[in-house]
Amino acid sequence: ADDGVDLNEKRPWDNEVIWHPYNGRWYYGVFGGSSPDLNYENEK
């Protein structure tokens, strides 16, 4: 997450949060905090 991201945004089908905190930063995990999403914008 960077500036402008809504950290309280919920996924549409069941209203669970999609942003999760870790040591002051927030990462995206649409299937929960134990499953961070991979960034496929990164070709690697």
All heavy atoms as atom14 arrays in JSON, in Angstrom:
{
  "sequence": "ADDGVDLNEKRPWDNEVIWHPYNGRWYYGVFGGSSPDLNYENEK",
  "atom14_mask": [
    [1, 1, 1, 1, 1, 0, 0, 0, 0, 0, 0, 0, 0, 0],
    [1, 1, 1, 1, 1, 1, 1, 1, 0, 0, 0, 0, 0, 0],
    [1, 1, 1, 1, 1, 1, 1, 1, 0, 0, 0, 0, 0, 0],
    [1, 1, 1, 1, 0, 0, 0, 0, 0, 0, 0, 0, 0, 0],
    [1, 1, 1, 1, 1, 1, 1, 0, 0, 0, 0, 0, 0, 0],
    [1, 1, 1, 1, 1, 1, 1, 1, 0, 0, 0, 0, 0, 0],
    [1, 1, 1, 1, 1, 1, 1, 1, 0, 0, 0, 0, 0, 0],
    [1, 1, 1, 1, 1, 1, 1, 1, 0, 0, 0, 0, 0, 0],
    [1, 1, 1, 1, 1, 1, 1, 1, 1, 0, 0, 0, 0, 0],
    [1, 1, 1, 1, 1, 1, 1, 1, 1, 0, 0, 0, 0, 0],
    [1, 1, 1, 1, 1, 1, 1, 1, 1, 1, 1, 0, 0, 0],
    [1, 1, 1, 1, 1, 1, 1, 0, 0, 0, 0, 0, 0, 0],
    [1, 1, 1, 1, 1, 1, 1, 1, 1, 1, 1, 1, 1, 1],
    [1, 1, 1, 1, 1, 1, 1, 1, 0, 0, 0, 0, 0, 0],
    [1, 1, 1, 1, 1, 1, 1, 1, 0, 0, 0, 0, 0, 0],
    [1, 1, 1, 1, 1, 1, 1, 1, 1, 0, 0, 0, 0, 0],
    [1, 1, 1, 1, 1, 1, 1, 0, 0, 0, 0, 0, 0, 0],
    [1, 1, 1, 1, 1, 1, 1, 1, 0, 0, 0, 0, 0, 0],
    [1, 1, 1, 1, 1, 1, 1, 1, 1, 1, 1, 1, 1, 1],
    [1, 1, 1, 1, 1, 1, 1, 1, 1, 1, 0, 0, 0, 0],
    [1, 1, 1, 1, 1, 1, 1, 0, 0, 0, 0, 0, 0, 0],
    [1, 1, 1, 1, 1, 1, 1, 1, 1, 1, 1, 1, 0, 0],
    [1, 1, 1, 1, 1, 1, 1, 1, 0, 0, 0, 0, 0, 0],
    [1, 1, 1, 1, 0, 0, 0, 0, 0, 0, 0, 0, 0, 0],
    [1, 1, 1, 1, 1, 1, 1, 1, 1, 1, 1, 0, 0, 0],
    [1, 1, 1, 1, 1, 1, 1, 1, 1, 1, 1, 1, 1, 1],
    [1, 1, 1, 1, 1, 1, 1, 1, 1, 1, 1, 1, 0, 0],
    [1, 1, 1, 1, 1, 1, 1, 1, 1, 1, 1, 1, 0, 0],
    [1, 1, 1, 1, 0, 0, 0, 0, 0, 0, 0, 0, 0, 0],
    [1, 1, 1, 1, 1, 1, 1, 0, 0, 0, 0, 0, 0, 0],
    [1, 1, 1, 1, 1, 1, 1, 1, 1, 1, 1, 0, 0, 0],
    [1, 1, 1, 1, 0, 0, 0, 0, 0, 0, 0, 0, 0, 0],
    [1, 1, 1, 1, 0, 0, 0, 0, 0, 0, 0, 0, 0, 0],
    [1, 1, 1, 1, 1, 1, 0, 0, 0, 0, 0, 0, 0, 0],
    [1, 1, 1, 1, 1, 1, 0, 0, 0, 0, 0, 0, 0, 0],
    [1, 1, 1, 1, 1, 1, 1, 0, 0, 0, 0, 0, 0, 0],
    [1, 1, 1, 1, 1, 1, 1, 1, 0, 0, 0, 0, 0, 0],
    [1, 1, 1, 1, 1, 1, 1, 1, 0, 0, 0, 0, 0, 0],
    [1, 1, 1, 1, 1, 1, 1, 1, 0, 0, 0, 0, 0, 0],
    [1, 1, 1, 1, 1, 1, 1, 1, 1, 1, 1, 1, 0, 0],
    [1, 1, 1, 1, 1, 1, 1, 1, 1, 0, 0, 0, 0, 0],
    [1, 1, 1, 1, 1, 1, 1, 1, 0, 0, 0, 0, 0, 0],
    [1, 1, 1, 1, 1, 1, 1, 1, 1, 0, 0, 0, 0, 0],
    [1, 1, 1, 1, 1, 1, 1, 1, 1, 0, 0, 0, 0, 0]
  ],
  "atom14_positions": [
    [[0.83, -1.2, 0.0], [0.0, 0.0, 0.0], [0.86, 1.25, 0.0], [1.89, 1.31, 0.67], [-0.9, -0.01, 1.23], [0.0, 0.0, 0.0], [0.0, 0.0, 0.0], [0.0, 0.0, 0.0], [0.0, 0.0, 0.0], [0.0, 0.0, 0.0], [0.0, 0.0, 0.0], [0.0, 0.0, 0.0], [0.0, 0.0, 0.0], [0.0, 0.0, 0.0]],
    [[0.44, 2.25, -0.78], [1.07, 3.56, -0.75], [0.0, 4.61, -0.46], [-1.14, 4.28, -0.13], [1.82, 3.84, -2.06], [0.91, 3.75, -3.28], [-0.33, 3.74, -3.11], [1.43, 3.68, -4.41], [0.0, 0.0, 0.0], [0.0, 0.0, 0.0], [0.0, 0.0, 0.0], [0.0, 0.0, 0.0], [0.0, 0.0, 0.0], [0.0, 0.0, 0.0]],
    [[0.35, 5.87, -0.57], [-0.61, 6.94, -0.29], [-1.82, 6.81, -1.22], [-1.69, 6.55, -2.42], [0.04, 8.31, -0.51], [1.12, 8.59, 0.53], [1.1, 7.91, 1.58], [1.97, 9.46, 0.27], [0.0, 0.0, 0.0], [0.0, 0.0, 0.0], [0.0, 0.0, 0.0], [0.0, 0.0, 0.0], [0.0, 0.0, 0.0], [0.0, 0.0, 0.0]],
    [[-2.97, 7.02, -0.64], [-4.2, 6.97, -1.43], [-4.9, 5.64, -1.42], [-6.05, 5.52, -1.88], [0.0, 0.0, 0.0], [0.0, 0.0, 0.0], [0.0, 0.0, 0.0], [0.0, 0.0, 0.0], [0.0, 0.0, 0.0], [0.0, 0.0, 0.0], [0.0, 0.0, 0.0], [0.0, 0.0, 0.0], [0.0, 0.0, 0.0], [0.0, 0.0, 0.0]],
    [[-4.26, 4.6, -0.91], [-4.9, 3.28, -0.84], [-5.86, 3.24, 0.34], [-5.54, 3.71, 1.44], [-3.83, 2.16, -0.68], [-4.48, 0.84, -0.29], [-3.06, 1.99, -1.98], [0.0, 0.0, 0.0], [0.0, 0.0, 0.0], [0.0, 0.0, 0.0], [0.0, 0.0, 0.0], [0.0, 0.0, 0.0], [0.0, 0.0, 0.0], [0.0, 0.0, 0.0]],
    [[-7.04, 2.72, 0.11], [-8.03, 2.55, 1.17], [-7.73, 1.24, 1.91], [-8.07, 0.16, 1.43], [-9.43, 2.52, 0.57], [-10.51, 2.3, 1.63], [-10.19, 2.28, 2.84], [-11.68, 2.13, 1.25], [0.0, 0.0, 0.0], [0.0, 0.0, 0.0], [0.0, 0.0, 0.0], [0.0, 0.0, 0.0], [0.0, 0.0, 0.0], [0.0, 0.0, 0.0]],
    [[-7.11, 1.35, 3.07], [-6.7, 0.16, 3.82], [-7.89, -0.6, 4.39], [-7.73, -1.74, 4.84], [-5.75, 0.56, 4.95], [-4.43, 1.2, 4.51], [-3.61, 1.63, 5.72], [-3.62, 0.23, 3.65], [0.0, 0.0, 0.0], [0.0, 0.0, 0.0], [0.0, 0.0, 0.0], [0.0, 0.0, 0.0], [0.0, 0.0, 0.0], [0.0, 0.0, 0.0]],
    [[-9.05, -0.01, 4.34], [-10.26, -0.68, 4.84], [-11.09, -1.29, 3.71], [-12.2, -1.79, 3.95], [-11.12, 0.32, 5.62], [-10.44, 0.77, 6.9], [-9.95, -0.05, 7.67], [-10.4, 2.09, 7.11], [0.0, 0.0, 0.0], [0.0, 0.0, 0.0], [0.0, 0.0, 0.0], [0.0, 0.0, 0.0], [0.0, 0.0, 0.0], [0.0, 0.0, 0.0]],
    [[-10.56, -1.25, 2.49], [-11.32, -1.82, 1.36], [-11.57, -3.3, 1.59], [-10.7, -4.04, 2.07], [-10.57, -1.62, 0.05], [-11.37, -2.07, -1.17], [-10.64, -1.87, -2.49], [-9.49, -1.4, -2.47], [-11.22, -2.21, -3.54], [0.0, 0.0, 0.0], [0.0, 0.0, 0.0], [0.0, 0.0, 0.0], [0.0, 0.0, 0.0], [0.0, 0.0, 0.0]],
    [[-12.77, -3.75, 1.21], [-13.17, -5.15, 1.41], [-13.3, -5.84, 0.05], [-13.61, -5.2, -0.96], [-14.52, -5.24, 2.14], [-14.62, -4.4, 3.42], [-13.77, -4.93, 4.52], [-14.16, -4.36, 5.89], [-14.11, -2.89, 5.97], [0.0, 0.0, 0.0], [0.0, 0.0, 0.0], [0.0, 0.0, 0.0], [0.0, 0.0, 0.0], [0.0, 0.0, 0.0]],
    [[-13.08, -7.14, 0.06], [-13.32, -7.89, -1.18], [-14.84, -7.99, -1.38], [-15.61, -8.07, -0.41], [-12.65, -9.24, -1.14], [-13.11, -10.18, -0.06], [-12.19, -11.4, 0.05], [-12.75, -12.42, 0.94], [-12.09, -13.5, 1.34], [-10.84, -13.71, 0.92], [-12.67, -14.39, 2.13], [0.0, 0.0, 0.0], [0.0, 0.0, 0.0], [0.0, 0.0, 0.0]],
    [[-15.29, -8.02, -2.64], [-16.72, -7.83, -2.92], [-17.65, -8.96, -2.49], [-18.83, -8.73, -2.26], [-16.75, -7.63, -4.44], [-15.5, -8.25, -4.94], [-14.48, -8.07, -3.86], [0.0, 0.0, 0.0], [0.0, 0.0, 0.0], [0.0, 0.0, 0.0], [0.0, 0.0, 0.0], [0.0, 0.0, 0.0], [0.0, 0.0, 0.0], [0.0, 0.0, 0.0]],
    [[-17.15, -10.21, -2.41], [-18.09, -11.31, -2.2], [-18.42, -11.59, -0.74], [-19.44, -12.22, -0.45], [-17.61, -12.58, -2.9], [-16.3, -13.14, -2.42], [-16.12, -14.06, -1.42], [-15.0, -12.83, -2.91], [-14.79, -14.34, -1.26], [-14.07, -13.6, -2.17], [-14.52, -11.99, -3.91], [-12.7, -13.55, -2.4], [-13.15, -11.94, -4.13], [-12.26, -12.71, -3.4]],
    [[-17.58, -11.13, 0.22], [-17.92, -11.41, 1.62], [-17.42, -10.35, 2.6], [-17.45, -10.56, 3.82], [-17.38, -12.78, 2.04], [-15.86, -12.85, 2.0], [-15.22, -11.85, 1.63], [-15.31, -13.92, 2.33], [0.0, 0.0, 0.0], [0.0, 0.0, 0.0], [0.0, 0.0, 0.0], [0.0, 0.0, 0.0], [0.0, 0.0, 0.0], [0.0, 0.0, 0.0]],
    [[-16.95, -9.22, 2.06], [-16.56, -8.09, 2.9], [-15.4, -8.38, 3.84], [-15.3, -7.77, 4.91], [-17.75, -7.57, 3.71], [-18.75, -6.84, 2.82], [-18.36, -6.09, 1.92], [-20.02, -7.07, 3.06], [0.0, 0.0, 0.0], [0.0, 0.0, 0.0], [0.0, 0.0, 0.0], [0.0, 0.0, 0.0], [0.0, 0.0, 0.0], [0.0, 0.0, 0.0]],
    [[-14.49, -9.26, 3.46], [-13.25, -9.45, 4.21], [-12.21, -8.45, 3.71], [-12.17, -8.11, 2.52], [-12.73, -10.88, 4.03], [-13.6, -11.96, 4.67], [-13.51, -11.97, 6.19], [-12.49, -11.49, 6.73], [-14.46, -12.44, 6.83], [0.0, 0.0, 0.0], [0.0, 0.0, 0.0], [0.0, 0.0, 0.0], [0.0, 0.0, 0.0], [0.0, 0.0, 0.0]],
    [[-11.34, -7.99, 4.59], [-10.34, -6.99, 4.21], [-9.31, -7.58, 3.24], [-9.08, -8.8, 3.24], [-9.61, -6.42, 5.44], [-10.59, -5.66, 6.33], [-8.89, -7.51, 6.22], [0.0, 0.0, 0.0], [0.0, 0.0, 0.0], [0.0, 0.0, 0.0], [0.0, 0.0, 0.0], [0.0, 0.0, 0.0], [0.0, 0.0, 0.0], [0.0, 0.0, 0.0]],
    [[-8.73, -6.72, 2.43], [-7.75, -7.19, 1.45], [-6.34, -6.65, 1.73], [-5.37, -7.1, 1.1], [-8.17, -6.82, 0.01], [-8.32, -5.31, -0.16], [-9.47, -7.54, -0.37], [-8.69, -4.87, -1.58], [0.0, 0.0, 0.0], [0.0, 0.0, 0.0], [0.0, 0.0, 0.0], [0.0, 0.0, 0.0], [0.0, 0.0, 0.0], [0.0, 0.0, 0.0]],
    [[-6.21, -5.7, 2.66], [-4.9, -5.17, 3.03], [-4.56, -5.6, 4.45], [-5.41, -5.57, 5.34], [-4.88, -3.64, 2.93], [-4.95, -3.16, 1.51], [-6.05, -2.7, 0.85], [-3.87, -3.13, 0.57], [-5.74, -2.38, -0.45], [-4.4, -2.63, -0.65], [-2.51, -3.46, 0.63], [-3.61, -2.45, -1.79], [-1.74, -3.28, -0.5], [-2.28, -2.79, -1.7]],
    [[-3.29, -6.0, 4.64], [-2.89, -6.6, 5.92], [-1.6, -5.95, 6.42], [-0.67, -5.73, 5.64], [-2.71, -8.11, 5.73], [-3.87, -8.76, 5.05], [-5.0, -9.13, 5.72], [-4.09, -9.05, 3.74], [-5.88, -9.65, 4.86], [-5.33, -9.61, 3.65], [0.0, 0.0, 0.0], [0.0, 0.0, 0.0], [0.0, 0.0, 0.0], [0.0, 0.0, 0.0]],
    [[-1.52, -5.67, 7.73], [-0.36, -4.96, 8.27], [0.81, -5.88, 8.61], [0.62, -7.02, 9.01], [-0.91, -4.33, 9.55], [-1.98, -5.28, 10.0], [-2.58, -5.87, 8.74], [0.0, 0.0, 0.0], [0.0, 0.0, 0.0], [0.0, 0.0, 0.0], [0.0, 0.0, 0.0], [0.0, 0.0, 0.0], [0.0, 0.0, 0.0], [0.0, 0.0, 0.0]],
    [[2.02, -5.33, 8.42], [3.23, -6.04, 8.87], [4.31, -5.0, 9.14], [4.78, -4.33, 8.21], [3.72, -7.04, 7.84], [4.84, -7.92, 8.37], [4.55, -9.15, 8.96], [6.17, -7.51, 8.31], [5.57, -9.95, 9.48], [7.19, -8.29, 8.82], [6.88, -9.51, 9.4], [7.88, -10.29, 9.92], [0.0, 0.0, 0.0], [0.0, 0.0, 0.0]],
    [[4.67, -4.84, 10.41], [5.74, -3.92, 10.81], [5.6, -2.53, 10.2], [6.54, -1.96, 9.65], [7.12, -4.5, 10.44], [7.53, -5.61, 11.39], [6.89, -5.82, 12.41], [8.62, -6.3, 11.06], [0.0, 0.0, 0.0], [0.0, 0.0, 0.0], [0.0, 0.0, 0.0], [0.0, 0.0, 0.0], [0.0, 0.0, 0.0], [0.0, 0.0, 0.0]],
    [[4.38, -2.0, 10.27], [4.15, -0.64, 9.8], [3.84, -0.51, 8.32], [3.52, 0.59, 7.86], [0.0, 0.0, 0.0], [0.0, 0.0, 0.0], [0.0, 0.0, 0.0], [0.0, 0.0, 0.0], [0.0, 0.0, 0.0], [0.0, 0.0, 0.0], [0.0, 0.0, 0.0], [0.0, 0.0, 0.0], [0.0, 0.0, 0.0], [0.0, 0.0, 0.0]],
    [[3.92, -1.6, 7.58], [3.58, -1.58, 6.15], [2.34, -2.45, 5.94], [1.97, -3.26, 6.79], [4.73, -2.11, 5.3], [6.0, -1.28, 5.42], [7.06, -1.8, 4.48], [6.71, -1.58, 3.07], [7.39, -2.06, 2.05], [8.46, -2.84, 2.27], [7.03, -1.82, 0.82], [0.0, 0.0, 0.0], [0.0, 0.0, 0.0], [0.0, 0.0, 0.0]],
    [[1.71, -2.27, 4.79], [0.5, -3.04, 4.47], [0.69, -3.75, 3.13], [1.12, -3.14, 2.16], [-0.72, -2.11, 4.38], [-1.08, -1.49, 5.7], [-0.41, -0.48, 6.33], [-2.19, -1.84, 6.53], [-1.03, -0.17, 7.52], [-2.13, -0.99, 7.67], [-3.22, -2.77, 6.45], [-3.06, -1.06, 8.7], [-4.16, -2.84, 7.47], [-4.07, -2.0, 8.57]],
    [[0.37, -5.04, 3.1], [0.5, -5.81, 1.87], [-0.87, -6.32, 1.44], [-1.8, -6.48, 2.24], [1.48, -6.97, 2.03], [1.08, -8.01, 3.06], [0.32, -9.13, 2.71], [1.48, -7.88, 4.4], [-0.05, -10.08, 3.65], [1.12, -8.82, 5.34], [0.35, -9.92, 4.97], [-0.01, -10.85, 5.91], [0.0, 0.0, 0.0], [0.0, 0.0, 0.0]],
    [[-0.97, -6.6, 0.15], [-2.24, -7.02, -0.46], [-2.36, -8.54, -0.39], [-1.46, -9.26, -0.82], [-2.26, -6.55, -1.92], [-3.54, -6.85, -2.67], [-4.71, -6.18, -2.4], [-3.55, -7.78, -3.71], [-5.88, -6.41, -3.12], [-4.7, -8.03, -4.44], [-5.87, -7.34, -4.13], [-7.02, -7.59, -4.85], [0.0, 0.0, 0.0], [0.0, 0.0, 0.0]],
    [[-3.5, -9.01, 0.13], [-3.77, -10.44, 0.19], [-5.26, -10.67, 0.12], [-5.95, -10.65, 1.13], [0.0, 0.0, 0.0], [0.0, 0.0, 0.0], [0.0, 0.0, 0.0], [0.0, 0.0, 0.0], [0.0, 0.0, 0.0], [0.0, 0.0, 0.0], [0.0, 0.0, 0.0], [0.0, 0.0, 0.0], [0.0, 0.0, 0.0], [0.0, 0.0, 0.0]],
    [[-5.76, -10.88, -1.09], [-7.21, -10.95, -1.26], [-7.81, -12.2, -0.62], [-8.99, -12.23, -0.27], [-7.57, -10.86, -2.77], [-7.31, -12.16, -3.5], [-9.02, -10.42, -2.95], [0.0, 0.0, 0.0], [0.0, 0.0, 0.0], [0.0, 0.0, 0.0], [0.0, 0.0, 0.0], [0.0, 0.0, 0.0], [0.0, 0.0, 0.0], [0.0, 0.0, 0.0]],
    [[-6.96, -13.25, -0.4], [-7.46, -14.46, 0.25], [-7.01, -14.57, 1.71], [-6.98, -15.65, 2.28], [-7.03, -15.7, -0.55], [-7.71, -15.79, -1.88], [-7.01, -15.54, -3.05], [-9.06, -16.08, -1.97], [-7.64, -15.59, -4.29], [-9.7, -16.14, -3.2], [-9.0, -15.9, -4.36], [0.0, 0.0, 0.0], [0.0, 0.0, 0.0], [0.0, 0.0, 0.0]],
    [[-6.64, -13.43, 2.31], [-6.3, -13.4, 3.72], [-4.86, -13.06, 3.99], [-4.0, -13.14, 3.1], [0.0, 0.0, 0.0], [0.0, 0.0, 0.0], [0.0, 0.0, 0.0], [0.0, 0.0, 0.0], [0.0, 0.0, 0.0], [0.0, 0.0, 0.0], [0.0, 0.0, 0.0], [0.0, 0.0, 0.0], [0.0, 0.0, 0.0], [0.0, 0.0, 0.0]],
    [[-4.58, -12.7, 5.23], [-3.24, -12.28, 5.6], [-2.19, -13.36, 5.5], [-1.0, -13.05, 5.33], [0.0, 0.0, 0.0], [0.0, 0.0, 0.0], [0.0, 0.0, 0.0], [0.0, 0.0, 0.0], [0.0, 0.0, 0.0], [0.0, 0.0, 0.0], [0.0, 0.0, 0.0], [0.0, 0.0, 0.0], [0.0, 0.0, 0.0], [0.0, 0.0, 0.0]],
    [[-2.59, -14.62, 5.58], [-1.62, -15.71, 5.48], [-1.27, -16.04, 4.04], [-0.43, -16.91, 3.8], [-2.17, -16.96, 6.17], [-3.34, -17.43, 5.5], [0.0, 0.0, 0.0], [0.0, 0.0, 0.0], [0.0, 0.0, 0.0], [0.0, 0.0, 0.0], [0.0, 0.0, 0.0], [0.0, 0.0, 0.0], [0.0, 0.0, 0.0], [0.0, 0.0, 0.0]],
    [[-1.92, -15.33, 3.08], [-1.7, -15.64, 1.66], [-1.49, -14.37, 0.85], [-2.37, -13.94, 0.1], [-2.9, -16.42, 1.09], [-3.11, -17.61, 1.8], [0.0, 0.0, 0.0], [0.0, 0.0, 0.0], [0.0, 0.0, 0.0], [0.0, 0.0, 0.0], [0.0, 0.0, 0.0], [0.0, 0.0, 0.0], [0.0, 0.0, 0.0], [0.0, 0.0, 0.0]],
    [[-0.32, -13.73, 0.98], [-0.06, -12.51, 0.21], [-0.06, -12.76, -1.3], [0.51, -13.74, -1.77], [1.33, -12.07, 0.69], [1.95, -13.3, 1.28], [0.83, -14.11, 1.82], [0.0, 0.0, 0.0], [0.0, 0.0, 0.0], [0.0, 0.0, 0.0], [0.0, 0.0, 0.0], [0.0, 0.0, 0.0], [0.0, 0.0, 0.0], [0.0, 0.0, 0.0]],
    [[-0.72, -11.87, -2.03], [-0.8, -12.0, -3.49], [0.55, -11.7, -4.13], [1.29, -10.81, -3.69], [-1.83, -11.02, -4.05], [-3.24, -11.54, -3.95], [-3.58, -12.13, -2.89], [-4.02, -11.36, -4.9], [0.0, 0.0, 0.0], [0.0, 0.0, 0.0], [0.0, 0.0, 0.0], [0.0, 0.0, 0.0], [0.0, 0.0, 0.0], [0.0, 0.0, 0.0]],
    [[0.84, -12.42, -5.19], [2.03, -12.15, -5.99], [1.76, -10.99, -6.95], [0.62, -10.81, -7.41], [2.44, -13.4, -6.76], [3.04, -14.52, -5.91], [3.08, -15.83, -6.68], [4.44, -14.14, -5.42], [0.0, 0.0, 0.0], [0.0, 0.0, 0.0], [0.0, 0.0, 0.0], [0.0, 0.0, 0.0], [0.0, 0.0, 0.0], [0.0, 0.0, 0.0]],
    [[2.79, -10.25, -7.26], [2.69, -9.1, -8.16], [3.1, -9.51, -9.57], [4.29, -9.52, -9.92], [3.6, -7.97, -7.65], [3.64, -6.8, -8.61], [2.74, -6.62, -9.43], [4.71, -6.02, -8.53], [0.0, 0.0, 0.0], [0.0, 0.0, 0.0], [0.0, 0.0, 0.0], [0.0, 0.0, 0.0], [0.0, 0.0, 0.0], [0.0, 0.0, 0.0]],
    [[2.12, -9.82, -10.4], [2.43, -10.26, -11.76], [2.7, -9.12, -12.73], [2.92, -9.35, -13.91], [1.31, -11.19, -12.26], [1.47, -12.59, -11.71], [0.74, -13.01, -10.6], [2.37, -13.47, -12.27], [0.91, -14.29, -10.08], [2.55, -14.75, -11.77], [1.82, -15.15, -10.67], [2.0, -16.42, -10.15], [0.0, 0.0, 0.0], [0.0, 0.0, 0.0]],
    [[2.7, -7.89, -12.2], [3.22, -6.79, -13.01], [4.74, -6.92, -13.13], [5.35, -6.34, -14.04], [2.87, -5.44, -12.36], [1.39, -5.18, -12.22], [0.68, -4.91, -13.54], [1.38, -4.8, -14.57], [-0.55, -4.8, -13.54], [0.0, 0.0, 0.0], [0.0, 0.0, 0.0], [0.0, 0.0, 0.0], [0.0, 0.0, 0.0], [0.0, 0.0, 0.0]],
    [[5.34, -7.67, -12.23], [6.77, -7.94, -12.23], [7.04, -9.15, -13.12], [6.59, -10.27, -12.83], [7.24, -8.21, -10.79], [8.73, -8.47, -10.68], [9.43, -8.69, -11.67], [9.22, -8.48, -9.45], [0.0, 0.0, 0.0], [0.0, 0.0, 0.0], [0.0, 0.0, 0.0], [0.0, 0.0, 0.0], [0.0, 0.0, 0.0], [0.0, 0.0, 0.0]],
    [[7.76, -8.97, -14.19], [7.99, -10.04, -15.16], [8.75, -11.21, -14.54], [8.6, -12.36, -14.98], [8.75, -9.5, -16.36], [8.76, -10.43, -17.57], [7.37, -10.77, -18.08], [6.48, -9.9, -18.03], [7.18, -11.93, -18.54], [0.0, 0.0, 0.0], [0.0, 0.0, 0.0], [0.0, 0.0, 0.0], [0.0, 0.0, 0.0], [0.0, 0.0, 0.0]],
    [[9.55, -10.94, -13.51], [10.28, -12.03, -12.84], [9.32, -13.0, -12.16], [9.6, -14.2, -12.05], [11.28, -11.46, -11.84], [12.5, -10.82, -12.48], [13.5, -10.38, -11.44], [14.84, -9.99, -12.07], [14.72, -9.02, -13.15], [0.0, 0.0, 0.0], [0.0, 0.0, 0.0], [0.0, 0.0, 0.0], [0.0, 0.0, 0.0], [0.0, 0.0, 0.0]]
  ]
}
